[in-house]
């Protein structure tokens, strides 16, 4: 099981992910896709990355607005796995022109 990060480590990791914010025991990012279908394609690519990592975000789809939330539920909070997947989500969002 991944180790929980302390507050200092979480703050440090968030500096590398400026589009993500902490919300309690999870980190969140909202993006707007250029179209509904582009958003669905982005979600599909994130789902593939999540399966590969065996770590799955909560995803909320509201037309072109997508919200991703990450937490390591089995550890009871934030771990390096969350920040690693967040970085992958950022790269995927960028490829899909979602901001």
N, C-alpha and C. Protein backbone atom coordinates (compact mmCIF):
# COMPACT_ATOMS: atom_id res chain seq x y z
N UNK A 1 0.85 -1.18 0.00
CA UNK A 1 0.00 0.00 0.00
C UNK A 1 0.90 1.24 0.00
N UNK A 2 0.47 2.25 -0.72
CA UNK A 2 1.22 3.52 -0.78
C UNK A 2 1.11 4.25 0.55
N UNK A 3 2.19 4.95 0.91
CA UNK A 3 2.22 5.71 2.16
C UNK A 3 1.53 7.05 2.01
N UNK A 4 0.81 7.44 3.04
CA UNK A 4 0.19 8.77 3.06
C UNK A 4 1.26 9.84 3.07
N UNK A 5 1.00 10.93 2.37
CA UNK A 5 1.90 12.08 2.40
C UNK A 5 1.48 13.02 3.50
N UNK A 6 2.45 13.65 4.15
CA UNK A 6 2.11 14.65 5.17
C UNK A 6 1.81 15.98 4.48
N UNK A 7 1.34 16.94 5.25
CA UNK A 7 0.93 18.23 4.69
C UNK A 7 2.05 18.92 3.93
N UNK A 8 3.27 18.86 4.45
CA UNK A 8 4.40 19.51 3.78
C UNK A 8 4.68 18.86 2.44
N UNK A 9 4.61 17.55 2.37
CA UNK A 9 4.85 16.85 1.12
C UNK A 9 3.75 17.14 0.11
N UNK A 10 2.52 17.22 0.58
CA UNK A 10 1.39 17.54 -0.30
C UNK A 10 1.56 18.93 -0.88
N UNK A 11 1.89 19.89 -0.04
CA UNK A 11 2.11 21.26 -0.50
C UNK A 11 3.23 21.32 -1.53
N UNK A 12 4.30 20.59 -1.28
CA UNK A 12 5.43 20.57 -2.21
C UNK A 12 5.03 19.95 -3.55
N UNK A 13 4.30 18.85 -3.50
CA UNK A 13 3.89 18.19 -4.75
C UNK A 13 2.91 19.06 -5.54
N UNK A 14 2.04 19.80 -4.84
CA UNK A 14 1.09 20.67 -5.54
C UNK A 14 1.78 21.80 -6.29
N UNK A 15 2.98 22.20 -5.85
CA UNK A 15 3.73 23.25 -6.56
C UNK A 15 4.06 22.82 -7.99
N UNK A 16 4.20 21.52 -8.22
CA UNK A 16 4.47 21.00 -9.56
C UNK A 16 3.20 20.80 -10.37
N UNK A 17 2.05 20.98 -9.74
CA UNK A 17 0.75 20.77 -10.39
C UNK A 17 -0.13 22.00 -10.14
N UNK A 18 0.18 23.13 -10.77
CA UNK A 18 -0.49 24.38 -10.44
C UNK A 18 -1.99 24.41 -10.74
N UNK A 19 -2.48 23.49 -11.55
CA UNK A 19 -3.91 23.48 -11.87
C UNK A 19 -4.73 22.64 -10.90
N UNK A 20 -4.05 22.01 -9.96
CA UNK A 20 -4.72 21.15 -8.98
C UNK A 20 -4.80 21.86 -7.64
N UNK A 21 -5.88 21.59 -6.90
CA UNK A 21 -6.05 22.15 -5.57
C UNK A 21 -6.39 21.03 -4.60
N UNK A 22 -6.03 21.26 -3.38
CA UNK A 22 -6.37 20.29 -2.34
C UNK A 22 -7.76 20.60 -1.81
N UNK A 23 -8.54 19.54 -1.63
CA UNK A 23 -9.86 19.65 -1.03
C UNK A 23 -9.96 18.52 0.00
N UNK A 24 -9.55 18.81 1.21
CA UNK A 24 -9.54 17.79 2.26
C UNK A 24 -8.51 16.71 1.95
N UNK A 25 -8.98 15.49 1.81
CA UNK A 25 -8.09 14.35 1.56
C UNK A 25 -8.05 13.97 0.08
N UNK A 26 -8.31 14.93 -0.80
CA UNK A 26 -8.18 14.69 -2.23
C UNK A 26 -7.65 15.92 -2.93
N UNK A 27 -7.19 15.71 -4.17
CA UNK A 27 -6.81 16.83 -5.02
C UNK A 27 -7.77 16.85 -6.20
N UNK A 28 -8.04 18.06 -6.71
CA UNK A 28 -9.03 18.24 -7.77
C UNK A 28 -8.50 19.15 -8.87
N UNK A 29 -8.98 18.88 -10.08
CA UNK A 29 -8.73 19.76 -11.20
C UNK A 29 -9.96 19.77 -12.09
N UNK A 30 -10.31 20.95 -12.56
CA UNK A 30 -11.42 21.12 -13.50
C UNK A 30 -10.83 21.60 -14.82
N UNK A 31 -11.28 21.01 -15.92
CA UNK A 31 -10.86 21.43 -17.26
C UNK A 31 -12.08 21.63 -18.13
N UNK A 32 -11.91 22.48 -19.13
CA UNK A 32 -12.97 22.67 -20.11
C UNK A 32 -12.44 22.19 -21.46
N UNK A 33 -13.11 21.22 -22.04
CA UNK A 33 -12.73 20.67 -23.33
C UNK A 33 -13.30 21.54 -24.44
N UNK A 34 -12.69 21.51 -25.63
CA UNK A 34 -13.19 22.33 -26.73
C UNK A 34 -14.59 21.92 -27.22
N UNK A 35 -14.96 20.67 -26.98
CA UNK A 35 -16.30 20.19 -27.36
C UNK A 35 -16.67 19.04 -26.44
N UNK A 36 -17.92 18.66 -26.48
CA UNK A 36 -18.36 17.53 -25.66
C UNK A 36 -17.61 16.26 -26.05
N UNK A 37 -17.52 15.98 -27.34
CA UNK A 37 -16.84 14.77 -27.79
C UNK A 37 -15.35 14.80 -27.45
N UNK A 38 -14.72 15.96 -27.52
CA UNK A 38 -13.31 16.06 -27.12
C UNK A 38 -13.17 15.72 -25.64
N UNK A 39 -14.13 16.15 -24.84
CA UNK A 39 -14.11 15.83 -23.41
C UNK A 39 -14.26 14.34 -23.17
N UNK A 40 -15.14 13.70 -23.91
CA UNK A 40 -15.34 12.26 -23.76
C UNK A 40 -14.08 11.51 -24.19
N UNK A 41 -13.44 11.97 -25.25
CA UNK A 41 -12.18 11.34 -25.69
C UNK A 41 -11.10 11.52 -24.63
N UNK A 42 -11.06 12.69 -24.01
CA UNK A 42 -10.11 12.93 -22.93
C UNK A 42 -10.37 11.97 -21.78
N UNK A 43 -11.63 11.82 -21.38
CA UNK A 43 -11.98 10.92 -20.30
C UNK A 43 -11.59 9.48 -20.64
N UNK A 44 -11.80 9.08 -21.89
CA UNK A 44 -11.42 7.73 -22.31
C UNK A 44 -9.92 7.52 -22.17
N UNK A 45 -9.13 8.51 -22.56
CA UNK A 45 -7.68 8.38 -22.44
C UNK A 45 -7.25 8.36 -20.97
N UNK A 46 -7.89 9.18 -20.14
CA UNK A 46 -7.60 9.16 -18.70
C UNK A 46 -7.97 7.79 -18.12
N UNK A 47 -9.09 7.23 -18.55
CA UNK A 47 -9.51 5.92 -18.06
C UNK A 47 -8.46 4.86 -18.40
N UNK A 48 -7.90 4.93 -19.59
CA UNK A 48 -6.85 3.97 -19.97
C UNK A 48 -5.61 4.14 -19.09
N UNK A 49 -5.22 5.39 -18.85
CA UNK A 49 -4.06 5.65 -17.99
C UNK A 49 -4.34 5.17 -16.57
N UNK A 50 -5.55 5.37 -16.09
CA UNK A 50 -5.93 4.95 -14.75
C UNK A 50 -5.89 3.42 -14.63
N UNK A 51 -6.38 2.73 -15.63
CA UNK A 51 -6.32 1.27 -15.62
C UNK A 51 -4.89 0.79 -15.60
N UNK A 52 -4.05 1.42 -16.40
CA UNK A 52 -2.64 1.04 -16.46
C UNK A 52 -1.97 1.24 -15.10
N UNK A 53 -2.33 2.33 -14.42
CA UNK A 53 -1.75 2.63 -13.12
C UNK A 53 -2.45 1.89 -11.97
N UNK A 54 -3.59 1.26 -12.27
CA UNK A 54 -4.44 0.64 -11.25
C UNK A 54 -4.75 1.64 -10.14
N UNK A 55 -5.13 2.84 -10.59
CA UNK A 55 -5.47 3.93 -9.68
C UNK A 55 -6.49 4.81 -10.40
N UNK A 56 -7.67 4.95 -9.86
CA UNK A 56 -8.79 5.49 -10.61
C UNK A 56 -9.33 6.79 -10.00
N UNK A 57 -9.43 7.84 -10.82
CA UNK A 57 -9.97 9.11 -10.32
C UNK A 57 -11.50 9.08 -10.32
N UNK A 58 -12.07 9.95 -9.52
CA UNK A 58 -13.49 10.26 -9.67
C UNK A 58 -13.57 11.29 -10.79
N UNK A 59 -14.52 11.10 -11.70
CA UNK A 59 -14.65 11.99 -12.84
C UNK A 59 -16.09 12.46 -12.93
N UNK A 60 -16.27 13.77 -12.99
CA UNK A 60 -17.59 14.37 -13.16
C UNK A 60 -17.61 15.05 -14.53
N UNK A 61 -18.61 14.73 -15.35
CA UNK A 61 -18.73 15.30 -16.69
C UNK A 61 -19.98 16.18 -16.72
N UNK A 62 -19.78 17.44 -17.05
CA UNK A 62 -20.87 18.41 -17.20
C UNK A 62 -20.67 19.10 -18.53
N UNK A 63 -21.24 18.55 -19.58
CA UNK A 63 -21.09 19.00 -20.95
C UNK A 63 -19.61 19.04 -21.30
N UNK A 64 -18.99 20.20 -21.43
CA UNK A 64 -17.57 20.29 -21.78
C UNK A 64 -16.66 20.43 -20.56
N UNK A 65 -17.24 20.55 -19.38
CA UNK A 65 -16.47 20.73 -18.16
C UNK A 65 -16.29 19.39 -17.46
N UNK A 66 -15.02 19.05 -17.22
CA UNK A 66 -14.67 17.79 -16.57
C UNK A 66 -13.97 18.10 -15.26
N UNK A 67 -14.35 17.40 -14.21
CA UNK A 67 -13.69 17.55 -12.93
C UNK A 67 -13.09 16.20 -12.54
N UNK A 68 -11.81 16.22 -12.23
CA UNK A 68 -11.09 15.03 -11.79
C UNK A 68 -10.76 15.19 -10.31
N UNK A 69 -10.99 14.13 -9.55
CA UNK A 69 -10.64 14.13 -8.12
C UNK A 69 -9.85 12.86 -7.84
N UNK A 70 -8.76 13.02 -7.11
CA UNK A 70 -7.88 11.90 -6.80
C UNK A 70 -7.65 11.79 -5.30
N UNK A 71 -7.70 10.57 -4.81
CA UNK A 71 -7.37 10.23 -3.44
C UNK A 71 -7.10 8.74 -3.42
N UNK A 72 -6.20 8.31 -2.57
CA UNK A 72 -5.94 6.88 -2.43
C UNK A 72 -6.82 6.36 -1.30
N UNK A 73 -7.99 5.89 -1.67
CA UNK A 73 -8.99 5.50 -0.67
C UNK A 73 -8.46 4.38 0.24
N UNK A 74 -7.70 3.44 -0.33
CA UNK A 74 -7.20 2.32 0.47
C UNK A 74 -6.22 2.78 1.54
N UNK A 75 -5.58 3.94 1.31
CA UNK A 75 -4.64 4.49 2.30
C UNK A 75 -5.30 5.53 3.19
N UNK A 76 -6.47 5.99 2.80
CA UNK A 76 -7.19 6.98 3.60
C UNK A 76 -6.75 8.41 3.38
N UNK A 77 -6.21 8.72 2.20
CA UNK A 77 -5.80 10.09 1.92
C UNK A 77 -4.93 10.18 0.69
N UNK A 78 -4.05 11.16 0.68
CA UNK A 78 -3.22 11.44 -0.49
C UNK A 78 -1.87 10.73 -0.42
N UNK A 79 -1.52 10.11 -1.54
CA UNK A 79 -0.24 9.42 -1.67
C UNK A 79 0.43 9.88 -2.97
N UNK A 80 1.63 9.42 -3.18
CA UNK A 80 2.33 9.77 -4.42
C UNK A 80 1.58 9.27 -5.65
N UNK A 81 0.81 8.22 -5.52
CA UNK A 81 0.03 7.70 -6.65
C UNK A 81 -0.93 8.77 -7.18
N UNK A 82 -1.51 9.56 -6.30
CA UNK A 82 -2.44 10.60 -6.72
C UNK A 82 -1.73 11.66 -7.54
N UNK A 83 -0.57 12.07 -7.10
CA UNK A 83 0.17 13.12 -7.80
C UNK A 83 0.76 12.61 -9.11
N UNK A 84 1.15 11.36 -9.15
CA UNK A 84 1.65 10.78 -10.40
C UNK A 84 0.54 10.73 -11.45
N UNK A 85 -0.66 10.30 -11.05
CA UNK A 85 -1.77 10.25 -12.00
C UNK A 85 -2.23 11.66 -12.37
N UNK A 86 -2.18 12.59 -11.44
CA UNK A 86 -2.54 13.98 -11.75
C UNK A 86 -1.64 14.54 -12.85
N UNK A 87 -0.35 14.24 -12.78
CA UNK A 87 0.58 14.70 -13.82
C UNK A 87 0.22 14.08 -15.17
N UNK A 88 -0.16 12.81 -15.16
CA UNK A 88 -0.58 12.17 -16.42
C UNK A 88 -1.87 12.80 -16.95
N UNK A 89 -2.80 13.11 -16.07
CA UNK A 89 -4.04 13.77 -16.49
C UNK A 89 -3.73 15.13 -17.10
N UNK A 90 -2.80 15.88 -16.51
CA UNK A 90 -2.40 17.17 -17.07
C UNK A 90 -1.89 17.00 -18.50
N UNK A 91 -1.04 16.01 -18.72
CA UNK A 91 -0.49 15.79 -20.06
C UNK A 91 -1.58 15.40 -21.05
N UNK A 92 -2.50 14.57 -20.62
CA UNK A 92 -3.61 14.16 -21.49
C UNK A 92 -4.50 15.35 -21.81
N UNK A 93 -4.82 16.15 -20.80
CA UNK A 93 -5.66 17.34 -21.03
C UNK A 93 -5.00 18.28 -22.02
N UNK A 94 -3.71 18.45 -21.90
CA UNK A 94 -2.98 19.33 -22.81
C UNK A 94 -3.07 18.82 -24.25
N UNK A 95 -2.92 17.51 -24.44
CA UNK A 95 -3.01 16.94 -25.78
C UNK A 95 -4.40 17.12 -26.40
N UNK A 96 -5.41 17.25 -25.54
CA UNK A 96 -6.79 17.40 -26.01
C UNK A 96 -7.22 18.87 -26.02
N UNK A 97 -6.28 19.77 -25.85
CA UNK A 97 -6.57 21.21 -25.84
C UNK A 97 -7.62 21.60 -24.80
N UNK A 98 -7.58 20.93 -23.68
CA UNK A 98 -8.50 21.26 -22.58
C UNK A 98 -7.76 22.12 -21.57
N UNK A 99 -8.39 23.17 -21.15
CA UNK A 99 -7.74 24.09 -20.21
C UNK A 99 -8.59 24.28 -18.97
